[in-house]
Amino acid sequence: MMGTFTHPMTLIGPLGSETVECVVDTGAIFTTIPAPTLERLGVEAFTTIRVRFADGKEDDWRMGQLEAEIDGTRRPILCLFGSVDAPPLLGAHALEAFLLTVDPAEQKLVRKEAWLL
């Protein structure tokens, strides 16, 4: 079983930028950032989506878009407005956008190729 690890990601919004330490969570589809952080950066929600949690519960969460930077590469990503007390999560959608995968043995992010099959 893979343990958890963190990786820094810089969030870039209309009102500024902030670097956060994200828990890398390949089981989460979307990146989740505490709502106050996104609001402070000027990120606005463009939709609300239904999310299901590991315990089976469901809830409606706001989704926005912002620029993010990981290891010197900048990309647009979708993110959920998370709970104030939850850590930032780096989800699978952002990992794909950055062409990153997880090395579970070394607990680090590694570059991968873009495939069109």
N, C-alpha and C. Protein backbone atom coordinates (compact mmCIF):
# COMPACT_ATOMS: atom_id res chain seq x y z
N MET A 1 0.84 -1.18 0.00
CA MET A 1 0.00 0.00 0.00
C MET A 1 0.88 1.24 0.00
N MET A 2 0.48 2.23 -0.80
CA MET A 2 1.26 3.45 -0.91
C MET A 2 0.95 4.37 0.26
N GLY A 3 1.97 4.96 0.86
CA GLY A 3 1.77 5.97 1.89
C GLY A 3 1.45 7.29 1.24
N THR A 4 1.14 8.26 2.06
CA THR A 4 0.86 9.58 1.53
C THR A 4 2.12 10.43 1.58
N PHE A 5 2.18 11.40 0.69
CA PHE A 5 3.26 12.37 0.70
C PHE A 5 2.73 13.69 0.17
N THR A 6 3.51 14.73 0.34
CA THR A 6 3.08 16.06 -0.09
C THR A 6 4.03 16.59 -1.16
N HIS A 7 3.53 17.59 -1.90
CA HIS A 7 4.33 18.26 -2.91
C HIS A 7 3.85 19.70 -3.01
N PRO A 8 4.76 20.67 -3.14
CA PRO A 8 4.33 22.06 -3.23
C PRO A 8 3.71 22.39 -4.59
N MET A 9 2.71 23.26 -4.55
CA MET A 9 2.08 23.75 -5.77
C MET A 9 1.76 25.23 -5.54
N THR A 10 2.11 26.07 -6.51
CA THR A 10 1.78 27.48 -6.44
C THR A 10 0.47 27.72 -7.15
N LEU A 11 -0.46 28.35 -6.45
CA LEU A 11 -1.77 28.70 -6.99
C LEU A 11 -1.72 30.15 -7.44
N ILE A 12 -2.19 30.42 -8.66
CA ILE A 12 -2.15 31.76 -9.22
C ILE A 12 -3.56 32.18 -9.58
N GLY A 13 -4.06 33.19 -8.87
CA GLY A 13 -5.40 33.69 -9.11
C GLY A 13 -5.36 35.15 -9.53
N PRO A 14 -6.52 35.73 -9.81
CA PRO A 14 -6.58 37.13 -10.23
C PRO A 14 -6.03 38.12 -9.19
N LEU A 15 -6.04 37.74 -7.91
CA LEU A 15 -5.61 38.65 -6.86
C LEU A 15 -4.25 38.31 -6.25
N GLY A 16 -3.53 37.38 -6.84
CA GLY A 16 -2.22 37.04 -6.32
C GLY A 16 -1.90 35.57 -6.44
N SER A 17 -0.85 35.18 -5.75
CA SER A 17 -0.43 33.77 -5.78
C SER A 17 -0.04 33.33 -4.38
N GLU A 18 -0.07 32.02 -4.20
CA GLU A 18 0.26 31.43 -2.90
C GLU A 18 0.73 30.00 -3.13
N THR A 19 1.80 29.63 -2.45
CA THR A 19 2.29 28.26 -2.54
C THR A 19 1.75 27.46 -1.37
N VAL A 20 1.17 26.30 -1.69
CA VAL A 20 0.61 25.43 -0.66
C VAL A 20 1.27 24.05 -0.77
N GLU A 21 1.32 23.36 0.34
CA GLU A 21 1.85 22.00 0.38
C GLU A 21 0.65 21.07 0.23
N CYS A 22 0.57 20.35 -0.88
CA CYS A 22 -0.59 19.51 -1.19
C CYS A 22 -0.32 18.05 -0.87
N VAL A 23 -1.29 17.38 -0.31
CA VAL A 23 -1.26 15.93 -0.19
C VAL A 23 -1.53 15.37 -1.58
N VAL A 24 -0.66 14.52 -2.08
CA VAL A 24 -0.87 13.91 -3.40
C VAL A 24 -1.88 12.79 -3.22
N ASP A 25 -3.02 12.92 -3.91
CA ASP A 25 -4.14 11.99 -3.72
C ASP A 25 -4.64 11.49 -5.07
N THR A 26 -4.06 10.39 -5.55
CA THR A 26 -4.45 9.84 -6.86
C THR A 26 -5.86 9.27 -6.84
N GLY A 27 -6.44 9.09 -5.68
CA GLY A 27 -7.81 8.60 -5.58
C GLY A 27 -8.84 9.71 -5.73
N ALA A 28 -8.40 10.95 -5.65
CA ALA A 28 -9.29 12.10 -5.83
C ALA A 28 -9.22 12.54 -7.28
N ILE A 29 -10.36 12.73 -7.91
CA ILE A 29 -10.35 13.18 -9.31
C ILE A 29 -9.83 14.61 -9.40
N PHE A 30 -10.37 15.50 -8.57
CA PHE A 30 -10.02 16.91 -8.66
C PHE A 30 -9.15 17.37 -7.50
N THR A 31 -8.36 18.39 -7.76
CA THR A 31 -7.60 19.07 -6.72
C THR A 31 -8.60 19.81 -5.84
N THR A 32 -8.36 19.77 -4.54
CA THR A 32 -9.22 20.46 -3.58
C THR A 32 -8.37 21.40 -2.75
N ILE A 33 -8.79 22.67 -2.71
CA ILE A 33 -8.08 23.71 -1.98
C ILE A 33 -9.07 24.32 -0.99
N PRO A 34 -8.66 24.60 0.25
CA PRO A 34 -9.59 25.24 1.18
C PRO A 34 -10.22 26.50 0.57
N ALA A 35 -11.53 26.61 0.69
CA ALA A 35 -12.27 27.72 0.08
C ALA A 35 -11.69 29.09 0.43
N PRO A 36 -11.31 29.36 1.69
CA PRO A 36 -10.77 30.68 1.99
C PRO A 36 -9.52 31.03 1.19
N THR A 37 -8.69 30.05 0.88
CA THR A 37 -7.49 30.29 0.07
C THR A 37 -7.88 30.69 -1.34
N LEU A 38 -8.80 29.95 -1.95
CA LEU A 38 -9.24 30.29 -3.31
C LEU A 38 -9.91 31.66 -3.34
N GLU A 39 -10.74 31.94 -2.36
CA GLU A 39 -11.43 33.24 -2.31
C GLU A 39 -10.43 34.38 -2.15
N ARG A 40 -9.40 34.19 -1.32
CA ARG A 40 -8.37 35.21 -1.11
C ARG A 40 -7.61 35.49 -2.41
N LEU A 41 -7.46 34.46 -3.25
CA LEU A 41 -6.76 34.61 -4.53
C LEU A 41 -7.68 35.14 -5.64
N GLY A 42 -8.97 35.32 -5.33
CA GLY A 42 -9.90 35.85 -6.32
C GLY A 42 -10.48 34.82 -7.27
N VAL A 43 -10.36 33.55 -6.93
CA VAL A 43 -10.90 32.48 -7.78
C VAL A 43 -12.40 32.41 -7.55
N GLU A 44 -13.16 32.36 -8.63
CA GLU A 44 -14.62 32.27 -8.54
C GLU A 44 -15.09 30.91 -9.04
N ALA A 45 -16.12 30.41 -8.41
CA ALA A 45 -16.71 29.14 -8.85
C ALA A 45 -17.49 29.37 -10.14
N PHE A 46 -17.41 28.42 -11.06
CA PHE A 46 -18.20 28.50 -12.29
C PHE A 46 -19.30 27.43 -12.33
N THR A 47 -19.25 26.48 -11.40
CA THR A 47 -20.29 25.45 -11.32
C THR A 47 -20.25 24.80 -9.95
N THR A 48 -21.23 23.98 -9.69
CA THR A 48 -21.27 23.15 -8.50
C THR A 48 -21.41 21.71 -8.97
N ILE A 49 -20.62 20.81 -8.38
CA ILE A 49 -20.71 19.40 -8.77
C ILE A 49 -20.98 18.54 -7.55
N ARG A 50 -21.55 17.37 -7.79
CA ARG A 50 -21.82 16.39 -6.74
C ARG A 50 -20.55 15.58 -6.54
N VAL A 51 -20.08 15.48 -5.30
CA VAL A 51 -18.90 14.67 -5.00
C VAL A 51 -19.28 13.58 -4.01
N ARG A 52 -18.62 12.44 -4.15
CA ARG A 52 -18.83 11.31 -3.24
C ARG A 52 -17.53 11.10 -2.47
N PHE A 53 -17.66 10.90 -1.18
CA PHE A 53 -16.52 10.70 -0.30
C PHE A 53 -16.27 9.22 -0.06
N ALA A 54 -15.11 8.90 0.49
CA ALA A 54 -14.73 7.51 0.73
C ALA A 54 -15.73 6.77 1.62
N ASP A 55 -16.41 7.50 2.50
CA ASP A 55 -17.38 6.86 3.40
C ASP A 55 -18.76 6.69 2.75
N GLY A 56 -18.88 7.08 1.46
CA GLY A 56 -20.13 6.93 0.74
C GLY A 56 -21.03 8.14 0.77
N LYS A 57 -20.76 9.10 1.64
CA LYS A 57 -21.57 10.32 1.70
C LYS A 57 -21.37 11.14 0.45
N GLU A 58 -22.38 11.95 0.12
CA GLU A 58 -22.30 12.84 -1.04
C GLU A 58 -22.62 14.26 -0.61
N ASP A 59 -22.08 15.23 -1.38
CA ASP A 59 -22.35 16.64 -1.10
C ASP A 59 -22.11 17.41 -2.40
N ASP A 60 -22.64 18.62 -2.46
CA ASP A 60 -22.42 19.50 -3.61
C ASP A 60 -21.32 20.48 -3.26
N TRP A 61 -20.28 20.53 -4.10
CA TRP A 61 -19.14 21.42 -3.87
C TRP A 61 -18.94 22.33 -5.07
N ARG A 62 -18.51 23.55 -4.79
CA ARG A 62 -18.21 24.53 -5.85
C ARG A 62 -16.90 24.16 -6.55
N MET A 63 -16.86 24.45 -7.85
CA MET A 63 -15.67 24.19 -8.67
C MET A 63 -15.25 25.48 -9.36
N GLY A 64 -13.94 25.73 -9.38
CA GLY A 64 -13.38 26.88 -10.07
C GLY A 64 -12.20 26.46 -10.92
N GLN A 65 -11.61 27.45 -11.56
CA GLN A 65 -10.42 27.21 -12.39
C GLN A 65 -9.39 28.26 -12.05
N LEU A 66 -8.13 27.85 -12.02
CA LEU A 66 -7.04 28.78 -11.77
C LEU A 66 -5.79 28.25 -12.44
N GLU A 67 -4.77 29.08 -12.46
CA GLU A 67 -3.46 28.65 -12.93
C GLU A 67 -2.71 28.06 -11.74
N ALA A 68 -1.91 27.04 -12.01
CA ALA A 68 -1.08 26.44 -10.97
C ALA A 68 0.30 26.20 -11.54
N GLU A 69 1.29 26.16 -10.65
CA GLU A 69 2.66 25.88 -11.07
C GLU A 69 3.24 24.79 -10.18
N ILE A 70 3.80 23.78 -10.84
CA ILE A 70 4.48 22.69 -10.15
C ILE A 70 5.85 22.51 -10.79
N ASP A 71 6.88 22.60 -10.00
CA ASP A 71 8.26 22.38 -10.47
C ASP A 71 8.60 23.20 -11.72
N GLY A 72 8.15 24.47 -11.74
CA GLY A 72 8.49 25.36 -12.84
C GLY A 72 7.59 25.28 -14.05
N THR A 73 6.61 24.38 -14.04
CA THR A 73 5.66 24.25 -15.15
C THR A 73 4.32 24.82 -14.72
N ARG A 74 3.73 25.64 -15.59
CA ARG A 74 2.46 26.30 -15.26
C ARG A 74 1.35 25.77 -16.16
N ARG A 75 0.19 25.46 -15.55
CA ARG A 75 -0.96 24.93 -16.29
C ARG A 75 -2.25 25.44 -15.66
N PRO A 76 -3.33 25.52 -16.46
CA PRO A 76 -4.65 25.76 -15.86
C PRO A 76 -5.17 24.46 -15.27
N ILE A 77 -5.82 24.55 -14.12
CA ILE A 77 -6.41 23.37 -13.50
C ILE A 77 -7.80 23.69 -12.96
N LEU A 78 -8.61 22.66 -12.83
CA LEU A 78 -9.89 22.76 -12.14
C LEU A 78 -9.65 22.42 -10.68
N CYS A 79 -10.40 23.06 -9.80
CA CYS A 79 -10.23 22.76 -8.38
C CYS A 79 -11.56 22.92 -7.66
N LEU A 80 -11.70 22.17 -6.59
CA LEU A 80 -12.88 22.25 -5.74
C LEU A 80 -12.60 23.17 -4.56
N PHE A 81 -13.62 23.90 -4.14
CA PHE A 81 -13.55 24.75 -2.96
C PHE A 81 -13.78 23.85 -1.75
N GLY A 82 -12.70 23.50 -1.06
CA GLY A 82 -12.76 22.55 0.04
C GLY A 82 -13.04 23.18 1.39
N SER A 83 -13.11 22.32 2.38
CA SER A 83 -13.35 22.74 3.75
C SER A 83 -12.16 23.54 4.28
N VAL A 84 -12.45 24.46 5.15
CA VAL A 84 -11.43 25.32 5.72
C VAL A 84 -10.39 24.53 6.50
N ASP A 85 -10.79 23.41 7.11
CA ASP A 85 -9.88 22.64 7.96
C ASP A 85 -9.23 21.45 7.26
N ALA A 86 -9.48 21.28 5.98
CA ALA A 86 -8.91 20.14 5.24
C ALA A 86 -7.63 20.58 4.53
N PRO A 87 -6.66 19.68 4.42
CA PRO A 87 -5.43 20.04 3.71
C PRO A 87 -5.68 20.13 2.21
N PRO A 88 -4.88 20.93 1.49
CA PRO A 88 -4.98 20.94 0.03
C PRO A 88 -4.65 19.55 -0.51
N LEU A 89 -5.43 19.11 -1.51
CA LEU A 89 -5.20 17.81 -2.16
C LEU A 89 -4.87 18.04 -3.62
N LEU A 90 -3.84 17.38 -4.10
CA LEU A 90 -3.47 17.40 -5.52
C LEU A 90 -4.06 16.15 -6.14
N GLY A 91 -5.11 16.32 -6.94
CA GLY A 91 -5.84 15.20 -7.50
C GLY A 91 -5.38 14.77 -8.88
N ALA A 92 -6.01 13.71 -9.38
CA ALA A 92 -5.62 13.07 -10.64
C ALA A 92 -5.75 13.99 -11.85
N HIS A 93 -6.79 14.82 -11.89
CA HIS A 93 -6.99 15.71 -13.03
C HIS A 93 -5.80 16.65 -13.21
N ALA A 94 -5.33 17.25 -12.12
CA ALA A 94 -4.17 18.14 -12.19
C ALA A 94 -2.90 17.36 -12.51
N LEU A 95 -2.75 16.17 -11.94
CA LEU A 95 -1.58 15.36 -12.25
C LEU A 95 -1.52 15.08 -13.75
N GLU A 96 -2.66 14.76 -14.35
CA GLU A 96 -2.71 14.53 -15.80
C GLU A 96 -2.38 15.80 -16.57
N ALA A 97 -2.90 16.94 -16.13
CA ALA A 97 -2.63 18.21 -16.82
C ALA A 97 -1.14 18.53 -16.83
N PHE A 98 -0.46 18.17 -15.75
CA PHE A 98 0.98 18.42 -15.64
C PHE A 98 1.83 17.28 -16.19
N LEU A 99 1.20 16.22 -16.71
CA LEU A 99 1.91 15.04 -17.19
C LEU A 99 2.81 14.46 -16.09
N LEU A 100 2.19 14.28 -14.93
CA LEU A 100 2.91 13.72 -13.78
C LEU A 100 2.26 12.41 -13.35
N THR A 101 3.07 11.53 -12.84
CA THR A 101 2.59 10.30 -12.23
C THR A 101 3.29 10.15 -10.90
N VAL A 102 2.88 9.16 -10.13
CA VAL A 102 3.42 8.96 -8.79
C VAL A 102 4.37 7.77 -8.78
N ASP A 103 5.54 7.98 -8.19
CA ASP A 103 6.47 6.88 -7.91
C ASP A 103 6.20 6.48 -6.46
N PRO A 104 5.46 5.36 -6.24
CA PRO A 104 5.08 5.01 -4.88
C PRO A 104 6.25 4.57 -4.01
N ALA A 105 7.29 4.01 -4.61
CA ALA A 105 8.44 3.56 -3.83
C ALA A 105 9.23 4.74 -3.28
N GLU A 106 9.42 5.75 -4.12
CA GLU A 106 10.19 6.93 -3.73
C GLU A 106 9.31 8.03 -3.14
N GLN A 107 8.00 7.86 -3.24
CA GLN A 107 7.02 8.86 -2.80
C GLN A 107 7.35 10.24 -3.37
N LYS A 108 7.32 10.30 -4.71
CA LYS A 108 7.58 11.55 -5.40
C LYS A 108 6.82 11.57 -6.72
N LEU A 109 6.70 12.75 -7.29
CA LEU A 109 6.09 12.92 -8.60
C LEU A 109 7.16 12.78 -9.67
N VAL A 110 6.80 12.13 -10.78
CA VAL A 110 7.72 11.97 -11.90
C VAL A 110 7.00 12.32 -13.20
N ARG A 111 7.75 12.85 -14.13
CA ARG A 111 7.22 13.21 -15.45
C ARG A 111 6.85 11.96 -16.23
N LYS A 112 5.83 12.09 -17.08
CA LYS A 112 5.47 10.99 -17.98
C LYS A 112 5.23 11.56 -19.36
N GLU A 113 5.13 10.67 -20.34
CA GLU A 113 4.88 11.08 -21.72
C GLU A 113 3.41 11.28 -21.96
N ALA A 114 3.10 12.14 -22.92
CA ALA A 114 1.72 12.31 -23.38
C ALA A 114 1.48 11.28 -24.48
N TRP A 115 0.43 10.51 -24.33
CA TRP A 115 0.12 9.46 -25.31
C TRP A 115 -1.16 9.82 -26.07
N LEU A 116 -1.14 9.59 -27.36
CA LEU A 116 -2.32 9.67 -28.21
C LEU A 116 -2.41 8.35 -28.94
N LEU A 117 -3.29 7.48 -28.50
CA LEU A 117 -3.39 6.15 -29.10
C LEU A 117 -4.68 5.99 -29.85
